[in-house]
Amino acid sequence: MNALSKPIAVVLLLMSVGVAFHFLFGPFYASVLDNGMTWSVINYFQAVGVVVAGVFLYIRKLEEDKKWPNDGRVTRAYWESNIALGLAVLFFWNWIDVSTGERGGTNSIIWVVVDTLFILVVASAGCHLWRRPKQ
């Protein structure tokens, strides 16, 4: 698992940088590149990133729980794994809504929340994997 930590960390960090770049600067090149089509492609990468980050953050939470069993601490790992779960629920709910065309589309404010959380959660998971000590 440790042999894959660095490559996966790089991929997660690149995903978060890519989403952040398109999220911030997409309106500037919207006349050249169709934003809707670009987000449709990015969403597939985001789906993978959400799942991978969620799994690694949950593993991190379990490692923290082993260090401090039954003391009721709410750690950073606890928050990150639970926020990753919330991100996954929001992302997949909204993505399925867009894909099926139910209710005539999507609520753009939800995508703003999803994209912002994606950048933070996936970058956090990538940084954690990069700094992970060899075992």
C-alpha atoms as a PDB file:
ATOM      1  CA  MET A   1       0.000   0.000   0.000  1.00  0.00           C
ATOM      2  CA  ASN A   2       2.836   2.382   0.809  1.00  0.00           C
ATOM      3  CA  ALA A   3       4.311   1.940  -2.658  1.00  0.00           C
ATOM      4  CA  LEU A   4       1.106   3.402  -4.085  1.00  0.00           C
ATOM      5  CA  SER A   5       0.794   6.248  -1.582  1.00  0.00           C
ATOM      6  CA  LYS A   6       2.922   8.775  -3.451  1.00  0.00           C
ATOM      7  CA  PRO A   7       1.458   8.173  -6.943  1.00  0.00           C
ATOM      8  CA  ILE A   8      -2.092   8.259  -5.593  1.00  0.00           C
ATOM      9  CA  ALA A   9      -1.250  11.428  -3.652  1.00  0.00           C
ATOM     10  CA  VAL A  10       0.003  13.091  -6.829  1.00  0.00           C
ATOM     11  CA  VAL A  11      -3.142  12.083  -8.721  1.00  0.00           C
ATOM     12  CA  LEU A  12      -5.415  13.395  -5.953  1.00  0.00           C
ATOM     13  CA  LEU A  13      -3.506  16.672  -5.746  1.00  0.00           C
ATOM     14  CA  LEU A  14      -3.623  17.108  -9.531  1.00  0.00           C
ATOM     15  CA  MET A  15      -7.372  16.419  -9.485  1.00  0.00           C
ATOM     16  CA  SER A  16      -7.947  19.076  -6.841  1.00  0.00           C
ATOM     17  CA  VAL A  17      -5.769  21.595  -8.698  1.00  0.00           C
ATOM     18  CA  GLY A  18      -7.583  20.835 -11.969  1.00  0.00           C
ATOM     19  CA  VAL A  19     -11.019  21.279 -10.429  1.00  0.00           C
ATOM     20  CA  ALA A  20      -9.906  24.461  -8.666  1.00  0.00           C
ATOM     21  CA  PHE A  21      -8.486  25.875 -11.897  1.00  0.00           C
ATOM     22  CA  HIS A  22     -11.609  25.147 -13.911  1.00  0.00           C
ATOM     23  CA  PHE A  23     -13.895  26.271 -11.097  1.00  0.00           C
ATOM     24  CA  LEU A  24     -12.118  29.638 -10.820  1.00  0.00           C
ATOM     25  CA  PHE A  25     -11.097  30.329 -14.403  1.00  0.00           C
ATOM     26  CA  GLY A  26     -13.761  28.469 -16.403  1.00  0.00           C
ATOM     27  CA  PRO A  27     -15.823  31.595 -17.014  1.00  0.00           C
ATOM     28  CA  PHE A  28     -12.831  33.273 -18.685  1.00  0.00           C
ATOM     29  CA  TYR A  29     -12.558  30.644 -21.412  1.00  0.00           C
ATOM     30  CA  ALA A  30     -16.254  29.728 -21.613  1.00  0.00           C
ATOM     31  CA  SER A  31     -16.495  31.262 -25.112  1.00  0.00           C
ATOM     32  CA  VAL A  32     -13.799  28.884 -26.360  1.00  0.00           C
ATOM     33  CA  LEU A  33     -14.652  25.745 -24.405  1.00  0.00           C
ATOM     34  CA  ASP A  34     -18.141  24.574 -23.483  1.00  0.00           C
ATOM     35  CA  ASN A  35     -18.283  24.664 -19.658  1.00  0.00           C
ATOM     36  CA  GLY A  36     -21.089  22.114 -19.459  1.00  0.00           C
ATOM     37  CA  MET A  37     -19.194  19.587 -21.544  1.00  0.00           C
ATOM     38  CA  THR A  38     -15.982  20.237 -19.609  1.00  0.00           C
ATOM     39  CA  TRP A  39     -17.741  19.658 -16.285  1.00  0.00           C
ATOM     40  CA  SER A  40     -19.282  16.475 -17.713  1.00  0.00           C
ATOM     41  CA  VAL A  41     -15.773  15.122 -18.336  1.00  0.00           C
ATOM     42  CA  ILE A  42     -14.370  16.425 -15.037  1.00  0.00           C
ATOM     43  CA  ASN A  43     -17.232  14.768 -13.122  1.00  0.00           C
ATOM     44  CA  TYR A  44     -15.910  11.305 -14.006  1.00  0.00           C
ATOM     45  CA  PHE A  45     -12.531  12.198 -12.513  1.00  0.00           C
ATOM     46  CA  GLN A  46     -14.244  13.750  -9.512  1.00  0.00           C
ATOM     47  CA  ALA A  47     -16.223  10.546  -8.925  1.00  0.00           C
ATOM     48  CA  VAL A  48     -12.983   8.567  -8.749  1.00  0.00           C
ATOM     49  CA  GLY A  49     -11.357  11.235  -6.558  1.00  0.00           C
ATOM     50  CA  VAL A  50     -14.278  11.324  -4.121  1.00  0.00           C
ATOM     51  CA  VAL A  51     -14.228   7.551  -3.671  1.00  0.00           C
ATOM     52  CA  VAL A  52     -10.424   7.242  -3.377  1.00  0.00           C
ATOM     53  CA  ALA A  53     -10.138  10.191  -0.972  1.00  0.00           C
ATOM     54  CA  GLY A  54     -13.049   8.881   1.091  1.00  0.00           C
ATOM     55  CA  VAL A  55     -11.467   5.451   1.419  1.00  0.00           C
ATOM     56  CA  PHE A  56      -8.062   6.791   2.430  1.00  0.00           C
ATOM     57  CA  LEU A  57      -9.514   9.319   4.857  1.00  0.00           C
ATOM     58  CA  TYR A  58     -11.622   6.582   6.449  1.00  0.00           C
ATOM     59  CA  ILE A  59      -8.523   4.388   6.798  1.00  0.00           C
ATOM     60  CA  ARG A  60      -6.778   7.345   8.432  1.00  0.00           C
ATOM     61  CA  LYS A  61      -9.703   7.744  10.836  1.00  0.00           C
ATOM     62  CA  LEU A  62      -9.477   4.060  11.776  1.00  0.00           C
ATOM     63  CA  GLU A  63      -5.724   4.433  12.407  1.00  0.00           C
ATOM     64  CA  GLU A  64      -6.411   7.404  14.689  1.00  0.00           C
ATOM     65  CA  ASP A  65      -9.099   5.418  16.525  1.00  0.00           C
ATOM     66  CA  LYS A  66      -6.553   2.687  17.238  1.00  0.00           C
ATOM     67  CA  LYS A  67      -4.189   5.234  18.805  1.00  0.00           C
ATOM     68  CA  TRP A  68      -6.853   6.677  21.096  1.00  0.00           C
ATOM     69  CA  PRO A  69      -9.468   3.969  21.699  1.00  0.00           C
ATOM     70  CA  ASN A  70     -12.720   4.794  23.466  1.00  0.00           C
ATOM     71  CA  ASP A  71     -11.793   8.256  24.646  1.00  0.00           C
ATOM     72  CA  GLY A  72     -14.371  10.120  22.576  1.00  0.00           C
ATOM     73  CA  ARG A  73     -11.910  12.475  20.898  1.00  0.00           C
ATOM     74  CA  VAL A  74     -13.072  14.295  17.822  1.00  0.00           C
ATOM     75  CA  THR A  75      -9.945  14.521  15.705  1.00  0.00           C
ATOM     76  CA  ARG A  76      -9.140  16.118  12.392  1.00  0.00           C
ATOM     77  CA  ALA A  77      -9.230  12.656  10.811  1.00  0.00           C
ATOM     78  CA  TYR A  78     -12.762  12.198  12.178  1.00  0.00           C
ATOM     79  CA  TRP A  79     -13.942  15.447  10.588  1.00  0.00           C
ATOM     80  CA  GLU A  80     -12.181  14.807   7.302  1.00  0.00           C
ATOM     81  CA  SER A  81     -13.650  11.325   6.870  1.00  0.00           C
ATOM     82  CA  ASN A  82     -17.161  12.496   7.742  1.00  0.00           C
ATOM     83  CA  ILE A  83     -16.940  15.517   5.447  1.00  0.00           C
ATOM     84  CA  ALA A  84     -15.693  13.186   2.696  1.00  0.00           C
ATOM     85  CA  LEU A  85     -18.795  11.039   3.231  1.00  0.00           C
ATOM     86  CA  GLY A  86     -21.021  14.116   3.001  1.00  0.00           C
ATOM     87  CA  LEU A  87     -19.192  15.198  -0.148  1.00  0.00           C
ATOM     88  CA  ALA A  88     -19.747  11.773  -1.690  1.00  0.00           C
ATOM     89  CA  VAL A  89     -23.467  11.890  -0.941  1.00  0.00           C
ATOM     90  CA  LEU A  90     -23.877  15.410  -2.368  1.00  0.00           C
ATOM     91  CA  PHE A  91     -21.705  14.707  -5.401  1.00  0.00           C
ATOM     92  CA  PHE A  92     -23.342  11.453  -6.448  1.00  0.00           C
ATOM     93  CA  TRP A  93     -26.862  12.706  -5.716  1.00  0.00           C
ATOM     94  CA  ASN A  94     -26.311  15.788  -7.853  1.00  0.00           C
ATOM     95  CA  TRP A  95     -24.431  13.934 -10.593  1.00  0.00           C
ATOM     96  CA  ILE A  96     -27.165  11.305 -10.918  1.00  0.00           C
ATOM     97  CA  ASP A  97     -29.735  14.094 -10.998  1.00  0.00           C
ATOM     98  CA  VAL A  98     -27.886  15.763 -13.877  1.00  0.00           C
ATOM     99  CA  SER A  99     -27.314  12.469 -15.705  1.00  0.00           C
ATOM    100  CA  THR A 100     -30.944  11.348 -15.568  1.00  0.00           C
ATOM    101  CA  GLY A 101     -32.432  14.769 -16.206  1.00  0.00           C
ATOM    102  CA  GLU A 102     -34.771  14.441 -13.244  1.00  0.00           C
ATOM    103  CA  ARG A 103     -36.356  17.694 -12.060  1.00  0.00           C
ATOM    104  CA  GLY A 104     -35.060  19.482 -15.134  1.00  0.00           C
ATOM    105  CA  GLY A 105     -31.422  19.675 -14.143  1.00  0.00           C
ATOM    106  CA  THR A 106     -29.554  20.655 -11.075  1.00  0.00           C
ATOM    107  CA  ASN A 107     -29.159  23.355  -8.515  1.00  0.00           C
ATOM    108  CA  SER A 108     -25.948  25.229  -9.311  1.00  0.00           C
ATOM    109  CA  ILE A 109     -25.372  26.248  -5.686  1.00  0.00           C
ATOM    110  CA  ILE A 110     -25.004  22.565  -4.809  1.00  0.00           C
ATOM    111  CA  TRP A 111     -22.250  22.255  -7.416  1.00  0.00           C
ATOM    112  CA  VAL A 112     -20.487  25.240  -5.873  1.00  0.00           C
ATOM    113  CA  VAL A 113     -20.544  23.475  -2.491  1.00  0.00           C
ATOM    114  CA  VAL A 114     -19.499  20.144  -4.025  1.00  0.00           C
ATOM    115  CA  ASP A 115     -16.618  21.639  -6.000  1.00  0.00           C
ATOM    116  CA  THR A 116     -15.358  23.638  -3.037  1.00  0.00           C
ATOM    117  CA  LEU A 117     -15.528  20.627  -0.715  1.00  0.00           C
ATOM    118  CA  PHE A 118     -13.917  18.465  -3.390  1.00  0.00           C
ATOM    119  CA  ILE A 119     -10.904  20.765  -3.611  1.00  0.00           C
ATOM    120  CA  LEU A 120     -10.463  20.829   0.167  1.00  0.00           C
ATOM    121  CA  VAL A 121     -11.131  17.151   0.918  1.00  0.00           C
ATOM    122  CA  VAL A 122      -9.214  15.646  -1.988  1.00  0.00           C
ATOM    123  CA  ALA A 123      -6.229  17.967  -1.481  1.00  0.00           C
ATOM    124  CA  SER A 124      -6.218  17.071   2.214  1.00  0.00           C
ATOM    125  CA  ALA A 125      -6.250  13.357   1.395  1.00  0.00           C
ATOM    126  CA  GLY A 126      -3.474  13.863  -1.154  1.00  0.00           C
ATOM    127  CA  CYS A 127      -1.317  15.779   1.338  1.00  0.00           C
ATOM    128  CA  HIS A 128      -1.868  13.130   3.990  1.00  0.00           C
ATOM    129  CA  LEU A 129      -0.890  10.355   1.593  1.00  0.00           C
ATOM    130  CA  TRP A 130       2.204  12.281   0.498  1.00  0.00           C
ATOM    131  CA  ARG A 131       3.400  12.736   4.099  1.00  0.00           C
ATOM    132  CA  ARG A 132       2.420   9.234   5.186  1.00  0.00           C
ATOM    133  CA  PRO A 133       5.332   7.549   6.936  1.00  0.00           C
ATOM    134  CA  LYS A 134       6.690   4.325   5.511  1.00  0.00           C
ATOM    135  CA  GLN A 135       5.648   1.348   7.571  1.00  0.00           C
END
